[in-house]
Amino acid sequence: AKNYKFDLEKAILKIAPYVEGIHLSDNSGEEDTNDYFDNDFWFLPYFKLFTSLKYIGLETKPASNAKILEMHSIIKSSI
């Protein structure tokens, strides 16, 4: 959205009902850094709009089991 200068929220609202799979990682919006996310992850408020989800992938830099479980818990509580 940043590079192509379109309204990210408008796009999410339009495509969410049709999306069956997503992969998640956080980044600065400048480069794909595959950062961890926490409860402030920008995408969390939109999760409930994705009513056709069948697959969720987690894409992050190397992480401990505890960190992966933490992010899994955040996703699970947001769906």
PDB file of N, CA and C in Angstrom:
ATOM      1  N   ALA A   1       0.827  -1.190   0.000  1.00  0.00           N
ATOM      2  CA  ALA A   1       0.000   0.000   0.000  1.00  0.00           C
ATOM      3  C   ALA A   1       0.869   1.251   0.000  1.00  0.00           C
ATOM      4  N   LYS A   2       1.948   1.184   0.747  1.00  0.00           N
ATOM      5  CA  LYS A   2       2.827   2.343   0.821  1.00  0.00           C
ATOM      6  C   LYS A   2       3.483   2.628  -0.526  1.00  0.00           C
ATOM      7  N   ASN A   3       4.028   1.576  -1.146  1.00  0.00           N
ATOM      8  CA  ASN A   3       4.707   1.757  -2.433  1.00  0.00           C
ATOM      9  C   ASN A   3       3.756   2.144  -3.554  1.00  0.00           C
ATOM     10  N   TYR A   4       2.582   1.530  -3.569  1.00  0.00           N
ATOM     11  CA  TYR A   4       1.637   1.773  -4.655  1.00  0.00           C
ATOM     12  C   TYR A   4       0.625   2.866  -4.333  1.00  0.00           C
ATOM     13  N   LYS A   5       0.737   3.421  -3.140  1.00  0.00           N
ATOM     14  CA  LYS A   5      -0.083   4.568  -2.722  1.00  0.00           C
ATOM     15  C   LYS A   5      -1.588   4.290  -2.825  1.00  0.00           C
ATOM     16  N   PHE A   6      -2.007   3.121  -2.285  1.00  0.00           N
ATOM     17  CA  PHE A   6      -3.440   2.863  -2.219  1.00  0.00           C
ATOM     18  C   PHE A   6      -3.857   2.757  -0.761  1.00  0.00           C
ATOM     19  N   ASP A   7      -5.142   2.866  -0.520  1.00  0.00           N
ATOM     20  CA  ASP A   7      -5.697   2.833   0.824  1.00  0.00           C
ATOM     21  C   ASP A   7      -5.750   1.383   1.306  1.00  0.00           C
ATOM     22  N   LEU A   8      -4.883   1.045   2.227  1.00  0.00           N
ATOM     23  CA  LEU A   8      -4.767  -0.323   2.712  1.00  0.00           C
ATOM     24  C   LEU A   8      -6.067  -0.801   3.353  1.00  0.00           C
ATOM     25  N   GLU A   9      -6.664   0.003   4.180  1.00  0.00           N
ATOM     26  CA  GLU A   9      -7.889  -0.409   4.859  1.00  0.00           C
ATOM     27  C   GLU A   9      -9.024  -0.657   3.863  1.00  0.00           C
ATOM     28  N   LYS A  10      -9.138   0.202   2.884  1.00  0.00           N
ATOM     29  CA  LYS A  10     -10.169   0.029   1.858  1.00  0.00           C
ATOM     30  C   LYS A  10      -9.949  -1.285   1.098  1.00  0.00           C
ATOM     31  N   ALA A  11      -8.698  -1.594   0.783  1.00  0.00           N
ATOM     32  CA  ALA A  11      -8.379  -2.833   0.080  1.00  0.00           C
ATOM     33  C   ALA A  11      -8.701  -4.052   0.940  1.00  0.00           C
ATOM     34  N   ILE A  12      -8.346  -4.001   2.207  1.00  0.00           N
ATOM     35  CA  ILE A  12      -8.632  -5.116   3.107  1.00  0.00           C
ATOM     36  C   ILE A  12     -10.131  -5.359   3.195  1.00  0.00           C
ATOM     37  N   LEU A  13     -10.895  -4.311   3.364  1.00  0.00           N
ATOM     38  CA  LEU A  13     -12.348  -4.450   3.466  1.00  0.00           C
ATOM     39  C   LEU A  13     -12.940  -5.068   2.201  1.00  0.00           C
ATOM     40  N   LYS A  14     -12.362  -4.749   1.066  1.00  0.00           N
ATOM     41  CA  LYS A  14     -12.880  -5.250  -0.212  1.00  0.00           C
ATOM     42  C   LYS A  14     -12.547  -6.730  -0.442  1.00  0.00           C
ATOM     43  N   ILE A  15     -11.324  -7.142  -0.109  1.00  0.00           N
ATOM     44  CA  ILE A  15     -10.906  -8.506  -0.434  1.00  0.00           C
ATOM     45  C   ILE A  15     -11.101  -9.520   0.697  1.00  0.00           C
ATOM     46  N   ALA A  16     -11.243  -9.074   1.922  1.00  0.00           N
ATOM     47  CA  ALA A  16     -11.281  -9.977   3.077  1.00  0.00           C
ATOM     48  C   ALA A  16     -12.242 -11.156   2.931  1.00  0.00           C
ATOM     49  N   PRO A  17     -13.462 -10.967   2.451  1.00  0.00           N
ATOM     50  CA  PRO A  17     -14.391 -12.107   2.369  1.00  0.00           C
ATOM     51  C   PRO A  17     -13.952 -13.206   1.405  1.00  0.00           C
ATOM     52  N   TYR A  18     -13.029 -12.910   0.505  1.00  0.00           N
ATOM     53  CA  TYR A  18     -12.614 -13.860  -0.526  1.00  0.00           C
ATOM     54  C   TYR A  18     -11.286 -14.554  -0.238  1.00  0.00           C
ATOM     55  N   VAL A  19     -10.567 -14.082   0.759  1.00  0.00           N
ATOM     56  CA  VAL A  19      -9.228 -14.600   1.062  1.00  0.00           C
ATOM     57  C   VAL A  19      -9.337 -15.890   1.868  1.00  0.00           C
ATOM     58  N   GLU A  20      -8.648 -16.941   1.391  1.00  0.00           N
ATOM     59  CA  GLU A  20      -8.664 -18.226   2.088  1.00  0.00           C
ATOM     60  C   GLU A  20      -7.365 -18.521   2.834  1.00  0.00           C
ATOM     61  N   GLY A  21      -6.320 -17.782   2.531  1.00  0.00           N
ATOM     62  CA  GLY A  21      -5.047 -18.021   3.195  1.00  0.00           C
ATOM     63  C   GLY A  21      -4.246 -16.746   3.345  1.00  0.00           C
ATOM     64  N   ILE A  22      -3.594 -16.604   4.481  1.00  0.00           N
ATOM     65  CA  ILE A  22      -2.723 -15.448   4.713  1.00  0.00           C
ATOM     66  C   ILE A  22      -1.440 -15.931   5.387  1.00  0.00           C
ATOM     67  N   HIS A  23      -0.392 -15.157   5.217  1.00  0.00           N
ATOM     68  CA  HIS A  23       0.810 -15.406   5.998  1.00  0.00           C
ATOM     69  C   HIS A  23       1.152 -14.107   6.709  1.00  0.00           C
ATOM     70  N   LEU A  24       1.605 -14.259   7.930  1.00  0.00           N
ATOM     71  CA  LEU A  24       1.799 -13.106   8.804  1.00  0.00           C
ATOM     72  C   LEU A  24       3.247 -12.922   9.209  1.00  0.00           C
ATOM     73  N   SER A  25       3.692 -11.705   9.148  1.00  0.00           N
ATOM     74  CA  SER A  25       4.932 -11.266   9.757  1.00  0.00           C
ATOM     75  C   SER A  25       4.837  -9.752   9.839  1.00  0.00           C
ATOM     76  N   ASP A  26       5.581  -9.172  10.700  1.00  0.00           N
ATOM     77  CA  ASP A  26       5.539  -7.724  10.839  1.00  0.00           C
ATOM     78  C   ASP A  26       6.796  -7.130  10.232  1.00  0.00           C
ATOM     79  N   ASN A  27       6.716  -5.880   9.838  1.00  0.00           N
ATOM     80  CA  ASN A  27       7.877  -5.171   9.307  1.00  0.00           C
ATOM     81  C   ASN A  27       7.634  -3.673   9.407  1.00  0.00           C
ATOM     82  N   SER A  28       8.601  -2.923   9.031  1.00  0.00           N
ATOM     83  CA  SER A  28       8.540  -1.464   9.157  1.00  0.00           C
ATOM     84  C   SER A  28       7.736  -0.803   8.045  1.00  0.00           C
ATOM     85  N   GLY A  29       7.379  -1.558   7.018  1.00  0.00           N
ATOM     86  CA  GLY A  29       6.718  -0.971   5.857  1.00  0.00           C
ATOM     87  C   GLY A  29       7.718  -0.497   4.818  1.00  0.00           C
ATOM     88  N   GLU A  30       8.982  -0.547   5.159  1.00  0.00           N
ATOM     89  CA  GLU A  30      10.046  -0.138   4.244  1.00  0.00           C
ATOM     90  C   GLU A  30      10.727  -1.346   3.607  1.00  0.00           C
ATOM     91  N   GLU A  31      10.851  -2.438   4.369  1.00  0.00           N
ATOM     92  CA  GLU A  31      11.447  -3.654   3.849  1.00  0.00           C
ATOM     93  C   GLU A  31      10.844  -4.851   4.584  1.00  0.00           C
ATOM     94  N   ASP A  32      10.910  -6.012   3.958  1.00  0.00           N
ATOM     95  CA  ASP A  32      10.338  -7.221   4.528  1.00  0.00           C
ATOM     96  C   ASP A  32      11.336  -7.824   5.506  1.00  0.00           C
ATOM     97  N   THR A  33      11.149  -7.542   6.796  1.00  0.00           N
ATOM     98  CA  THR A  33      12.099  -7.972   7.813  1.00  0.00           C
ATOM     99  C   THR A  33      11.641  -9.209   8.582  1.00  0.00           C
ATOM    100  N   ASN A  34      10.406  -9.635   8.364  1.00  0.00           N
ATOM    101  CA  ASN A  34       9.857 -10.817   9.047  1.00  0.00           C
ATOM    102  C   ASN A  34       9.978 -10.709  10.566  1.00  0.00           C
ATOM    103  N   ASP A  35       9.688  -9.536  11.080  1.00  0.00           N
ATOM    104  CA  ASP A  35       9.763  -9.319  12.518  1.00  0.00           C
ATOM    105  C   ASP A  35       8.652 -10.063  13.252  1.00  0.00           C
ATOM    106  N   TYR A  36       8.877 -10.273  14.537  1.00  0.00           N
ATOM    107  CA  TYR A  36       7.858 -10.844  15.402  1.00  0.00           C
ATOM    108  C   TYR A  36       6.752  -9.804  15.564  1.00  0.00           C
ATOM    109  N   PHE A  37       5.599 -10.250  15.999  1.00  0.00           N
ATOM    110  CA  PHE A  37       4.539  -9.298  16.313  1.00  0.00           C
ATOM    111  C   PHE A  37       4.013  -9.570  17.716  1.00  0.00           C
ATOM    112  N   ASP A  38       3.342  -8.558  18.244  1.00  0.00           N
ATOM    113  CA  ASP A  38       2.756  -8.682  19.574  1.00  0.00           C
ATOM    114  C   ASP A  38       1.312  -8.195  19.507  1.00  0.00           C
ATOM    115  N   ASN A  39       0.731  -7.892  20.631  1.00  0.00           N
ATOM    116  CA  ASN A  39      -0.675  -7.485  20.678  1.00  0.00           C
ATOM    117  C   ASN A  39      -0.958  -6.150  19.998  1.00  0.00           C
ATOM    118  N   ASP A  40       0.079  -5.441  19.615  1.00  0.00           N
ATOM    119  CA  ASP A  40      -0.094  -4.171  18.897  1.00  0.00           C
ATOM    120  C   ASP A  40       0.022  -4.347  17.379  1.00  0.00           C
ATOM    121  N   PHE A  41       0.101  -5.574  16.901  1.00  0.00           N
ATOM    122  CA  PHE A  41       0.238  -5.876  15.479  1.00  0.00           C
ATOM    123  C   PHE A  41      -0.889  -5.202  14.699  1.00  0.00           C
ATOM    124  N   TRP A  42      -0.543  -4.436  13.685  1.00  0.00           N
ATOM    125  CA  TRP A  42      -1.513  -3.623  12.945  1.00  0.00           C
ATOM    126  C   TRP A  42      -2.641  -4.447  12.324  1.00  0.00           C
ATOM    127  N   PHE A  43      -2.378  -5.707  12.016  1.00  0.00           N
ATOM    128  CA  PHE A  43      -3.349  -6.524  11.297  1.00  0.00           C
ATOM    129  C   PHE A  43      -4.442  -7.101  12.199  1.00  0.00           C
ATOM    130  N   LEU A  44      -4.202  -7.210  13.486  1.00  0.00           N
ATOM    131  CA  LEU A  44      -5.124  -7.891  14.394  1.00  0.00           C
ATOM    132  C   LEU A  44      -6.568  -7.390  14.326  1.00  0.00           C
ATOM    133  N   PRO A  45      -6.828  -6.097  14.249  1.00  0.00           N
ATOM    134  CA  PRO A  45      -8.223  -5.649  14.198  1.00  0.00           C
ATOM    135  C   PRO A  45      -8.985  -6.115  12.947  1.00  0.00           C
ATOM    136  N   TYR A  46      -8.263  -6.544  11.927  1.00  0.00           N
ATOM    137  CA  TYR A  46      -8.901  -6.956  10.674  1.00  0.00           C
ATOM    138  C   TYR A  46      -9.193  -8.458  10.598  1.00  0.00           C
ATOM    139  N   PHE A  47      -8.654  -9.235  11.504  1.00  0.00           N
ATOM    140  CA  PHE A  47      -8.779 -10.683  11.436  1.00  0.00           C
ATOM    141  C   PHE A  47     -10.221 -11.156  11.274  1.00  0.00           C
ATOM    142  N   LYS A  48     -11.111 -10.611  12.049  1.00  0.00           N
ATOM    143  CA  LYS A  48     -12.502 -11.079  12.031  1.00  0.00           C
ATOM    144  C   LYS A  48     -13.196 -10.842  10.688  1.00  0.00           C
ATOM    145  N   LEU A  49     -12.630  -9.996   9.837  1.00  0.00           N
ATOM    146  CA  LEU A  49     -13.208  -9.746   8.514  1.00  0.00           C
ATOM    147  C   LEU A  49     -12.926 -10.888   7.545  1.00  0.00           C
ATOM    148  N   PHE A  50     -11.914 -11.695   7.839  1.00  0.00           N
ATOM    149  CA  PHE A  50     -11.507 -12.779   6.946  1.00  0.00           C
ATOM    150  C   PHE A  50     -12.305 -14.036   7.285  1.00  0.00           C
ATOM    151  N   THR A  51     -13.519 -14.079   6.821  1.00  0.00           N
ATOM    152  CA  THR A  51     -14.464 -15.137   7.179  1.00  0.00           C
ATOM    153  C   THR A  51     -14.259 -16.436   6.406  1.00  0.00           C
ATOM    154  N   SER A  52     -13.458 -16.430   5.359  1.00  0.00           N
ATOM    155  CA  SER A  52     -13.233 -17.631   4.546  1.00  0.00           C
ATOM    156  C   SER A  52     -11.865 -18.257   4.773  1.00  0.00           C
ATOM    157  N   LEU A  53     -11.166 -17.843   5.821  1.00  0.00           N
ATOM    158  CA  LEU A  53      -9.805 -18.333   6.053  1.00  0.00           C
ATOM    159  C   LEU A  53      -9.762 -19.835   6.281  1.00  0.00           C
ATOM    160  N   LYS A  54      -8.862 -20.481   5.580  1.00  0.00           N
ATOM    161  CA  LYS A  54      -8.600 -21.901   5.764  1.00  0.00           C
ATOM    162  C   LYS A  54      -7.168 -22.130   6.234  1.00  0.00           C
ATOM    163  N   TYR A  55      -6.276 -21.185   5.923  1.00  0.00           N
ATOM    164  CA  TYR A  55      -4.858 -21.329   6.235  1.00  0.00           C
ATOM    165  C   TYR A  55      -4.284 -20.025   6.763  1.00  0.00           C
ATOM    166  N   ILE A  56      -3.465 -20.151   7.801  1.00  0.00           N
ATOM    167  CA  ILE A  56      -2.708 -19.014   8.319  1.00  0.00           C
ATOM    168  C   ILE A  56      -1.269 -19.492   8.491  1.00  0.00           C
ATOM    169  N   GLY A  57      -0.351 -18.797   7.848  1.00  0.00           N
ATOM    170  CA  GLY A  57       1.066 -19.115   7.980  1.00  0.00           C
ATOM    171  C   GLY A  57       1.761 -18.026   8.776  1.00  0.00           C
ATOM    172  N   LEU A  58       2.729 -18.422   9.548  1.00  0.00           N
ATOM    173  CA  LEU A  58       3.513 -17.488  10.347  1.00  0.00           C
ATOM    174  C   LEU A  58       4.904 -17.420   9.736  1.00  0.00           C
ATOM    175  N   GLU A  59       5.303 -16.233   9.278  1.00  0.00           N
ATOM    176  CA  GLU A  59       6.606 -16.055   8.638  1.00  0.00           C
ATOM    177  C   GLU A  59       7.422 -15.072   9.463  1.00  0.00           C
ATOM    178  N   THR A  60       8.395 -15.587  10.198  1.00  0.00           N
ATOM    179  CA  THR A  60       9.237 -14.715  11.013  1.00  0.00           C
ATOM    180  C   THR A  60      10.689 -15.163  10.919  1.00  0.00           C
ATOM    181  N   LYS A  61      11.537 -14.272  11.380  1.00  0.00           N
ATOM    182  CA  LYS A  61      12.940 -14.658  11.518  1.00  0.00           C
ATOM    183  C   LYS A  61      13.012 -15.761  12.574  1.00  0.00           C
ATOM    184  N   PRO A  62      14.147 -16.434  12.716  1.00  0.00           N
ATOM    185  CA  PRO A  62      14.234 -17.534  13.684  1.00  0.00           C
ATOM    186  C   PRO A  62      13.713 -17.114  15.063  1.00  0.00           C
ATOM    187  N   ALA A  63      12.927 -18.018  15.657  1.00  0.00           N
ATOM    188  CA  ALA A  63      12.278 -17.704  16.929  1.00  0.00           C
ATOM    189  C   ALA A  63      12.307 -18.914  17.853  1.00  0.00           C
ATOM    190  N   SER A  64      12.307 -18.631  19.128  1.00  0.00           N
ATOM    191  CA  SER A  64      12.226 -19.709  20.118  1.00  0.00           C
ATOM    192  C   SER A  64      10.812 -20.292  20.093  1.00  0.00           C
ATOM    193  N   ASN A  65      10.675 -21.480  20.639  1.00  0.00           N
ATOM    194  CA  ASN A  65       9.343 -22.081  20.746  1.00  0.00           C
ATOM    195  C   ASN A  65       8.402 -21.176  21.529  1.00  0.00           C
ATOM    196  N   ALA A  66       8.908 -20.564  22.573  1.00  0.00           N
ATOM    197  CA  ALA A  66       8.078 -19.684  23.401  1.00  0.00           C
ATOM    198  C   ALA A  66       7.559 -18.497  22.592  1.00  0.00           C
ATOM    199  N   LYS A  67       8.400 -17.915  21.744  1.00  0.00           N
ATOM    200  CA  LYS A  67       7.997 -16.766  20.923  1.00  0.00           C
ATOM    201  C   LYS A  67       6.951 -17.198  19.893  1.00  0.00           C
ATOM    202  N   ILE A  68       7.155 -18.354  19.284  1.00  0.00           N
ATOM    203  CA  ILE A  68       6.177 -18.860  18.312  1.00  0.00           C
ATOM    204  C   ILE A  68       4.844 -19.117  18.990  1.00  0.00           C
ATOM    205  N   LEU A  69       4.867 -19.728  20.163  1.00  0.00           N
ATOM    206  CA  LEU A  69       3.620 -19.980  20.897  1.00  0.00           C
ATOM    207  C   LEU A  69       2.935 -18.681  21.297  1.00  0.00           C
ATOM    208  N   GLU A  70       3.723 -17.678  21.635  1.00  0.00           N
ATOM    209  CA  GLU A  70       3.157 -16.365  21.978  1.00  0.00           C
ATOM    210  C   GLU A  70       2.426 -15.773  20.768  1.00  0.00           C
ATOM    211  N   MET A  71       3.048 -15.804  19.610  1.00  0.00           N
ATOM    212  CA  MET A  71       2.408 -15.259  18.405  1.00  0.00           C
ATOM    213  C   MET A  71       1.187 -16.098  18.015  1.00  0.00           C
ATOM    214  N   HIS A  72       1.277 -17.405  18.182  1.00  0.00           N
ATOM    215  CA  HIS A  72       0.139 -18.287  17.914  1.00  0.00           C
ATOM    216  C   HIS A  72      -1.034 -17.918  18.809  1.00  0.00           C
ATOM    217  N   SER A  73      -0.753 -17.676  20.064  1.00  0.00           N
ATOM    218  CA  SER A  73      -1.796 -17.292  21.014  1.00  0.00           C
ATOM    219  C   SER A  73      -2.452 -15.973  20.638  1.00  0.00           C
ATOM    220  N   ILE A  74      -1.649 -15.026  20.175  1.00  0.00           N
ATOM    221  CA  ILE A  74      -2.179 -13.733  19.734  1.00  0.00           C
ATOM    222  C   ILE A  74      -3.111 -13.921  18.544  1.00  0.00           C
ATOM    223  N   ILE A  75      -2.688 -14.741  17.589  1.00  0.00           N
ATOM    224  CA  ILE A  75      -3.536 -15.008  16.415  1.00  0.00           C
ATOM    225  C   ILE A  75      -4.827 -15.687  16.858  1.00  0.00           C
ATOM    226  N   LYS A  76      -4.713 -16.718  17.674  1.00  0.00           N
ATOM    227  CA  LYS A  76      -5.880 -17.487  18.100  1.00  0.00           C
ATOM    228  C   LYS A  76      -6.909 -16.604  18.826  1.00  0.00           C
ATOM    229  N   SER A  77      -6.428 -15.680  19.637  1.00  0.00           N
ATOM    230  CA  SER A  77      -7.356 -14.816  20.379  1.00  0.00           C
ATOM    231  C   SER A  77      -7.944 -13.708  19.500  1.00  0.00           C
ATOM    232  N   SER A  78      -7.405 -13.531  18.297  1.00  0.00           N
ATOM    233  CA  SER A  78      -7.878 -12.467  17.406  1.00  0.00           C
ATOM    234  C   SER A  78      -8.870 -12.949  16.352  1.00  0.00           C
ATOM    235  N   ILE A  79      -8.926 -14.250  16.168  1.00  0.00           N
ATOM    236  CA  ILE A  79      -9.805 -14.798  15.120  1.00  0.00           C
ATOM    237  C   ILE A  79     -11.247 -14.825  15.613  1.00  0.00           C
TER     238      ILE A  79
END
